[in-house]
Amino acid sequence: MGAAAGTACLSETLRLDTKANAGPRGRQLFEGCCKLMEHYDVVGDVRGGHGLMTGVEIVSDRAAKTPASAEMMKRIHKATYDAGAMVRVGGNNIMLSPPLVVTEAEIDQVLVALQAGLRAA
C-alpha cells in the first residue's frame, strides 16, 4: 500500500510538472517581494530568487539593520493572515514557501496580503 501511494504521488507530481511551475512562480514571488521593499522601509532585505522559497527581513531601521520587534512581527503576521495568506515568522523574518503547484493568481494574493501586513507595521 505504501509503495502504491508513493508511486501515485510521483505520477501526479510528474503530471503536474511542478518543476516547470516552481521557476516562474518563484521569480514572481521574489520580484513581488523586491517591489514591496521599494515601498516599505520596514523591509530590510529580500532573500531567495531560486525556486519557491523567499525570505523577507523586517527591520525597524533599514540603514542600521535593526531587527523588528516581536510586537511589530505579530502585527504583520496577523494582518497578512487576515488579508488571506498564511506566512511563517522566524525572528524578524517572514518565510514564504508556497506549494509547488501554486498558481500565478495565488502568488498575487500572497503579495497583496503581505502588503497589507507591511502596512500594519
N, C-alpha and C. Protein backbone atom coordinates (compact mmCIF):
# COMPACT_ATOMS: atom_id res chain seq x y z
N MET A 1 0.82 -1.19 0.00
CA MET A 1 0.00 0.00 0.00
C MET A 1 0.86 1.25 0.00
N GLY A 2 1.89 1.23 0.84
CA GLY A 2 2.76 2.40 0.91
C GLY A 2 3.44 2.69 -0.42
N ALA A 3 3.92 1.64 -1.08
CA ALA A 3 4.57 1.82 -2.38
C ALA A 3 3.59 2.33 -3.42
N ALA A 4 2.35 1.85 -3.36
CA ALA A 4 1.33 2.31 -4.31
C ALA A 4 1.05 3.79 -4.11
N ALA A 5 0.98 4.22 -2.87
CA ALA A 5 0.75 5.65 -2.58
C ALA A 5 1.92 6.49 -3.08
N GLY A 6 3.13 6.01 -2.85
CA GLY A 6 4.31 6.73 -3.31
C GLY A 6 4.37 6.83 -4.83
N THR A 7 4.04 5.74 -5.50
CA THR A 7 4.03 5.72 -6.96
C THR A 7 2.96 6.67 -7.50
N ALA A 8 1.79 6.67 -6.89
CA ALA A 8 0.72 7.58 -7.32
C ALA A 8 1.13 9.03 -7.12
N CYS A 9 1.79 9.31 -6.00
CA CYS A 9 2.24 10.68 -5.72
C CYS A 9 3.28 11.13 -6.76
N LEU A 10 4.22 10.26 -7.06
CA LEU A 10 5.23 10.58 -8.06
C LEU A 10 4.60 10.80 -9.43
N SER A 11 3.64 9.97 -9.80
CA SER A 11 2.95 10.13 -11.09
C SER A 11 2.24 11.48 -11.17
N GLU A 12 1.59 11.85 -10.07
CA GLU A 12 0.86 13.14 -10.05
C GLU A 12 1.84 14.32 -10.11
N THR A 13 2.95 14.20 -9.41
CA THR A 13 3.97 15.25 -9.45
C THR A 13 4.49 15.44 -10.87
N LEU A 14 4.75 14.36 -11.55
CA LEU A 14 5.22 14.44 -12.94
C LEU A 14 4.13 14.99 -13.87
N ARG A 15 2.89 14.57 -13.65
CA ARG A 15 1.78 15.06 -14.48
C ARG A 15 1.61 16.57 -14.35
N LEU A 16 1.72 17.05 -13.12
CA LEU A 16 1.54 18.49 -12.86
C LEU A 16 2.76 19.32 -13.26
N ASP A 17 3.87 18.66 -13.55
CA ASP A 17 5.11 19.32 -13.98
C ASP A 17 5.49 20.43 -13.00
N THR A 18 5.57 20.06 -11.74
CA THR A 18 5.85 21.04 -10.68
C THR A 18 7.20 21.73 -10.85
N LYS A 19 8.15 21.03 -11.42
CA LYS A 19 9.47 21.63 -11.64
C LYS A 19 9.37 22.83 -12.58
N ALA A 20 8.58 22.71 -13.61
CA ALA A 20 8.41 23.81 -14.57
C ALA A 20 7.64 24.97 -13.95
N ASN A 21 6.77 24.71 -12.99
CA ASN A 21 5.98 25.77 -12.35
C ASN A 21 6.80 26.52 -11.30
N ALA A 22 7.69 25.83 -10.62
CA ALA A 22 8.42 26.44 -9.50
C ALA A 22 9.26 27.63 -9.93
N GLY A 23 9.92 27.55 -11.07
CA GLY A 23 10.78 28.64 -11.52
C GLY A 23 10.03 29.95 -11.76
N PRO A 24 9.02 29.94 -12.63
CA PRO A 24 8.28 31.18 -12.90
C PRO A 24 7.55 31.73 -11.67
N ARG A 25 6.94 30.85 -10.89
CA ARG A 25 6.22 31.32 -9.70
C ARG A 25 7.20 31.81 -8.63
N GLY A 26 8.35 31.18 -8.54
CA GLY A 26 9.36 31.64 -7.60
C GLY A 26 9.88 33.01 -7.97
N ARG A 27 10.12 33.24 -9.26
CA ARG A 27 10.55 34.57 -9.72
C ARG A 27 9.47 35.61 -9.45
N GLN A 28 8.22 35.24 -9.70
CA GLN A 28 7.10 36.16 -9.44
C GLN A 28 7.06 36.54 -7.97
N LEU A 29 7.21 35.57 -7.08
CA LEU A 29 7.18 35.84 -5.64
C LEU A 29 8.37 36.70 -5.23
N PHE A 30 9.56 36.35 -5.66
CA PHE A 30 10.76 37.10 -5.29
C PHE A 30 10.69 38.53 -5.81
N GLU A 31 10.35 38.70 -7.08
CA GLU A 31 10.28 40.04 -7.67
C GLU A 31 9.18 40.87 -7.00
N GLY A 32 8.06 40.24 -6.66
CA GLY A 32 7.00 40.95 -5.96
C GLY A 32 7.44 41.43 -4.60
N CYS A 33 8.18 40.59 -3.88
CA CYS A 33 8.70 40.99 -2.57
C CYS A 33 9.73 42.11 -2.70
N CYS A 34 10.55 42.06 -3.76
CA CYS A 34 11.52 43.13 -4.00
C CYS A 34 10.81 44.46 -4.28
N LYS A 35 9.70 44.42 -4.99
CA LYS A 35 8.91 45.64 -5.23
C LYS A 35 8.33 46.17 -3.93
N LEU A 36 7.90 45.27 -3.05
CA LEU A 36 7.40 45.72 -1.74
C LEU A 36 8.51 46.42 -0.96
N MET A 37 9.75 45.93 -1.10
CA MET A 37 10.88 46.54 -0.41
C MET A 37 11.07 47.99 -0.85
N GLU A 38 10.77 48.28 -2.11
CA GLU A 38 10.91 49.64 -2.63
C GLU A 38 9.91 50.60 -1.98
N HIS A 39 8.80 50.08 -1.47
CA HIS A 39 7.73 50.92 -0.94
C HIS A 39 7.63 50.91 0.59
N TYR A 40 8.26 49.95 1.24
CA TYR A 40 8.12 49.83 2.69
C TYR A 40 9.51 49.78 3.34
N ASP A 41 9.81 50.82 4.12
CA ASP A 41 11.12 50.91 4.77
C ASP A 41 11.36 49.83 5.80
N VAL A 42 10.30 49.14 6.23
CA VAL A 42 10.48 48.08 7.22
C VAL A 42 11.06 46.81 6.60
N VAL A 43 11.10 46.74 5.28
CA VAL A 43 11.72 45.58 4.62
C VAL A 43 13.21 45.87 4.49
N GLY A 44 14.00 45.11 5.24
CA GLY A 44 15.45 45.32 5.23
C GLY A 44 16.13 44.59 4.09
N ASP A 45 15.61 43.43 3.73
CA ASP A 45 16.22 42.63 2.67
C ASP A 45 15.22 41.58 2.21
N VAL A 46 15.40 41.14 0.98
CA VAL A 46 14.61 40.04 0.43
C VAL A 46 15.61 39.00 -0.07
N ARG A 47 15.42 37.78 0.37
CA ARG A 47 16.34 36.71 0.00
C ARG A 47 15.57 35.61 -0.73
N GLY A 48 16.20 35.03 -1.69
CA GLY A 48 15.57 33.95 -2.45
C GLY A 48 15.87 34.11 -3.92
N GLY A 49 14.85 33.91 -4.73
CA GLY A 49 15.01 34.05 -6.16
C GLY A 49 15.37 32.75 -6.86
N HIS A 50 15.52 31.67 -6.10
CA HIS A 50 15.83 30.35 -6.66
C HIS A 50 14.74 29.39 -6.20
N GLY A 51 13.80 29.10 -7.04
CA GLY A 51 12.70 28.24 -6.63
C GLY A 51 11.66 29.04 -5.86
N LEU A 52 10.89 28.36 -5.05
CA LEU A 52 9.74 28.99 -4.42
C LEU A 52 9.97 29.49 -2.99
N MET A 53 11.17 29.37 -2.48
CA MET A 53 11.41 29.85 -1.11
C MET A 53 11.93 31.29 -1.15
N THR A 54 11.28 32.14 -0.37
CA THR A 54 11.67 33.54 -0.28
C THR A 54 11.60 33.98 1.17
N GLY A 55 12.59 34.77 1.58
CA GLY A 55 12.60 35.31 2.93
C GLY A 55 12.57 36.83 2.88
N VAL A 56 11.80 37.43 3.77
CA VAL A 56 11.70 38.89 3.84
C VAL A 56 12.13 39.30 5.25
N GLU A 57 13.23 40.04 5.32
CA GLU A 57 13.73 40.52 6.60
C GLU A 57 13.00 41.81 6.97
N ILE A 58 12.49 41.87 8.19
CA ILE A 58 11.76 43.05 8.66
C ILE A 58 12.63 43.76 9.69
N VAL A 59 12.79 45.07 9.50
CA VAL A 59 13.65 45.87 10.37
C VAL A 59 12.90 47.11 10.85
N SER A 60 13.37 47.66 11.96
CA SER A 60 12.80 48.93 12.41
C SER A 60 13.61 50.10 11.86
N ASP A 61 14.84 49.84 11.45
CA ASP A 61 15.71 50.86 10.85
C ASP A 61 16.52 50.18 9.76
N ARG A 62 16.20 50.49 8.51
CA ARG A 62 16.85 49.80 7.39
C ARG A 62 18.34 50.08 7.34
N ALA A 63 18.74 51.31 7.55
CA ALA A 63 20.16 51.66 7.45
C ALA A 63 20.99 50.93 8.51
N ALA A 64 20.46 50.85 9.72
CA ALA A 64 21.18 50.19 10.81
C ALA A 64 20.91 48.69 10.86
N LYS A 65 19.97 48.22 10.03
CA LYS A 65 19.57 46.81 10.03
C LYS A 65 19.09 46.34 11.41
N THR A 66 18.41 47.23 12.12
CA THR A 66 17.88 46.90 13.44
C THR A 66 16.69 45.96 13.29
N PRO A 67 16.75 44.77 13.87
CA PRO A 67 15.63 43.83 13.73
C PRO A 67 14.33 44.40 14.27
N ALA A 68 13.23 44.07 13.61
CA ALA A 68 11.91 44.50 14.06
C ALA A 68 11.59 43.84 15.39
N SER A 69 10.76 44.50 16.16
CA SER A 69 10.35 43.96 17.46
C SER A 69 9.37 42.79 17.27
N ALA A 70 9.24 42.00 18.31
CA ALA A 70 8.29 40.89 18.29
C ALA A 70 6.87 41.42 18.09
N GLU A 71 6.58 42.55 18.69
CA GLU A 71 5.24 43.14 18.55
C GLU A 71 4.95 43.53 17.10
N MET A 72 5.94 44.13 16.43
CA MET A 72 5.75 44.50 15.03
C MET A 72 5.55 43.25 14.18
N MET A 73 6.32 42.21 14.45
CA MET A 73 6.19 40.96 13.70
C MET A 73 4.81 40.35 13.90
N LYS A 74 4.28 40.43 15.11
CA LYS A 74 2.93 39.91 15.38
C LYS A 74 1.89 40.68 14.59
N ARG A 75 2.04 42.01 14.53
CA ARG A 75 1.09 42.83 13.77
C ARG A 75 1.13 42.46 12.29
N ILE A 76 2.33 42.32 11.74
CA ILE A 76 2.48 41.98 10.33
C ILE A 76 1.88 40.60 10.07
N HIS A 77 2.19 39.65 10.93
CA HIS A 77 1.69 38.28 10.76
C HIS A 77 0.17 38.25 10.78
N LYS A 78 -0.44 38.92 11.74
CA LYS A 78 -1.90 38.92 11.87
C LYS A 78 -2.55 39.60 10.67
N ALA A 79 -2.04 40.76 10.28
CA ALA A 79 -2.65 41.49 9.16
C ALA A 79 -2.50 40.70 7.85
N THR A 80 -1.37 40.05 7.67
CA THR A 80 -1.17 39.23 6.47
C THR A 80 -2.15 38.06 6.45
N TYR A 81 -2.30 37.42 7.59
CA TYR A 81 -3.23 36.29 7.71
C TYR A 81 -4.67 36.76 7.47
N ASP A 82 -5.04 37.88 8.09
CA ASP A 82 -6.39 38.41 7.92
C ASP A 82 -6.68 38.79 6.47
N ALA A 83 -5.61 39.13 5.72
CA ALA A 83 -5.77 39.51 4.31
C ALA A 83 -5.74 38.30 3.37
N GLY A 84 -5.56 37.10 3.93
CA GLY A 84 -5.71 35.91 3.11
C GLY A 84 -4.49 35.07 2.83
N ALA A 85 -3.39 35.29 3.53
CA ALA A 85 -2.20 34.45 3.31
C ALA A 85 -1.59 34.02 4.63
N MET A 86 -1.24 32.77 4.69
CA MET A 86 -0.57 32.24 5.88
C MET A 86 0.93 32.26 5.61
N VAL A 87 1.67 32.97 6.45
CA VAL A 87 3.12 33.04 6.32
C VAL A 87 3.74 32.59 7.63
N ARG A 88 5.00 32.19 7.56
CA ARG A 88 5.73 31.80 8.77
C ARG A 88 6.62 32.95 9.18
N VAL A 89 6.72 33.12 10.49
CA VAL A 89 7.59 34.15 11.05
C VAL A 89 8.67 33.44 11.85
N GLY A 90 9.90 33.85 11.64
CA GLY A 90 11.03 33.35 12.40
C GLY A 90 11.89 34.52 12.79
N GLY A 91 11.84 34.90 14.06
CA GLY A 91 12.57 36.10 14.49
C GLY A 91 11.99 37.30 13.79
N ASN A 92 12.84 38.01 13.06
CA ASN A 92 12.37 39.18 12.32
C ASN A 92 12.29 38.91 10.81
N ASN A 93 12.06 37.64 10.48
CA ASN A 93 11.94 37.25 9.07
C ASN A 93 10.58 36.64 8.78
N ILE A 94 10.07 36.96 7.60
CA ILE A 94 8.87 36.31 7.09
C ILE A 94 9.36 35.31 6.05
N MET A 95 8.99 34.06 6.25
CA MET A 95 9.46 32.99 5.37
C MET A 95 8.29 32.49 4.53
N LEU A 96 8.48 32.52 3.23
CA LEU A 96 7.45 32.12 2.29
C LEU A 96 7.91 30.89 1.53
N SER A 97 7.09 29.86 1.55
CA SER A 97 7.40 28.65 0.80
C SER A 97 6.09 28.00 0.33
N PRO A 98 5.48 28.60 -0.69
CA PRO A 98 4.21 28.06 -1.19
C PRO A 98 4.41 26.70 -1.84
N PRO A 99 3.33 25.96 -2.04
CA PRO A 99 3.44 24.64 -2.66
C PRO A 99 3.89 24.74 -4.12
N LEU A 100 4.46 23.66 -4.60
CA LEU A 100 4.97 23.64 -5.98
C LEU A 100 3.89 23.81 -7.03
N VAL A 101 2.64 23.61 -6.67
CA VAL A 101 1.53 23.74 -7.62
C VAL A 101 0.85 25.10 -7.53
N VAL A 102 1.44 26.04 -6.81
CA VAL A 102 0.85 27.36 -6.64
C VAL A 102 0.65 28.02 -8.01
N THR A 103 -0.43 28.79 -8.12
CA THR A 103 -0.74 29.46 -9.39
C THR A 103 -0.28 30.92 -9.35
N GLU A 104 -0.27 31.54 -10.50
CA GLU A 104 0.08 32.95 -10.61
C GLU A 104 -0.88 33.80 -9.77
N ALA A 105 -2.16 33.50 -9.84
CA ALA A 105 -3.16 34.25 -9.07
C ALA A 105 -2.94 34.08 -7.57
N GLU A 106 -2.54 32.89 -7.15
CA GLU A 106 -2.30 32.66 -5.72
C GLU A 106 -1.07 33.42 -5.23
N ILE A 107 -0.04 33.51 -6.05
CA ILE A 107 1.14 34.32 -5.69
C ILE A 107 0.72 35.78 -5.58
N ASP A 108 -0.10 36.25 -6.51
CA ASP A 108 -0.60 37.63 -6.42
C ASP A 108 -1.33 37.86 -5.10
N GLN A 109 -2.14 36.90 -4.68
CA GLN A 109 -2.88 37.01 -3.42
C GLN A 109 -1.92 37.07 -2.24
N VAL A 110 -0.88 36.26 -2.25
CA VAL A 110 0.12 36.29 -1.18
C VAL A 110 0.76 37.68 -1.11
N LEU A 111 1.10 38.24 -2.26
CA LEU A 111 1.75 39.55 -2.29
C LEU A 111 0.81 40.66 -1.80
N VAL A 112 -0.46 40.58 -2.18
CA VAL A 112 -1.44 41.56 -1.70
C VAL A 112 -1.60 41.45 -0.18
N ALA A 113 -1.66 40.23 0.32
CA ALA A 113 -1.79 40.02 1.76
C ALA A 113 -0.56 40.49 2.50
N LEU A 114 0.61 40.21 1.94
CA LEU A 114 1.86 40.66 2.56
C LEU A 114 1.94 42.18 2.58
N GLN A 115 1.46 42.81 1.54
CA GLN A 115 1.41 44.28 1.53
C GLN A 115 0.52 44.80 2.63
N ALA A 116 -0.59 44.16 2.87
CA ALA A 116 -1.48 44.55 3.98
C ALA A 116 -0.75 44.39 5.31
N GLY A 117 0.03 43.32 5.43
CA GLY A 117 0.81 43.12 6.65
C GLY A 117 1.85 44.20 6.84
N LEU A 118 2.53 44.58 5.79
CA LEU A 118 3.56 45.61 5.89
C LEU A 118 2.95 46.97 6.22
N ARG A 119 1.76 47.22 5.69
CA ARG A 119 1.08 48.48 6.03
C ARG A 119 0.75 48.52 7.54
N ALA A 120 0.49 47.37 8.12
CA ALA A 120 0.16 47.31 9.56
C ALA A 120 1.37 47.53 10.45
N ALA A 121 2.57 47.42 9.87
CA ALA A 121 3.78 47.60 10.67
C ALA A 121 3.86 49.01 11.19
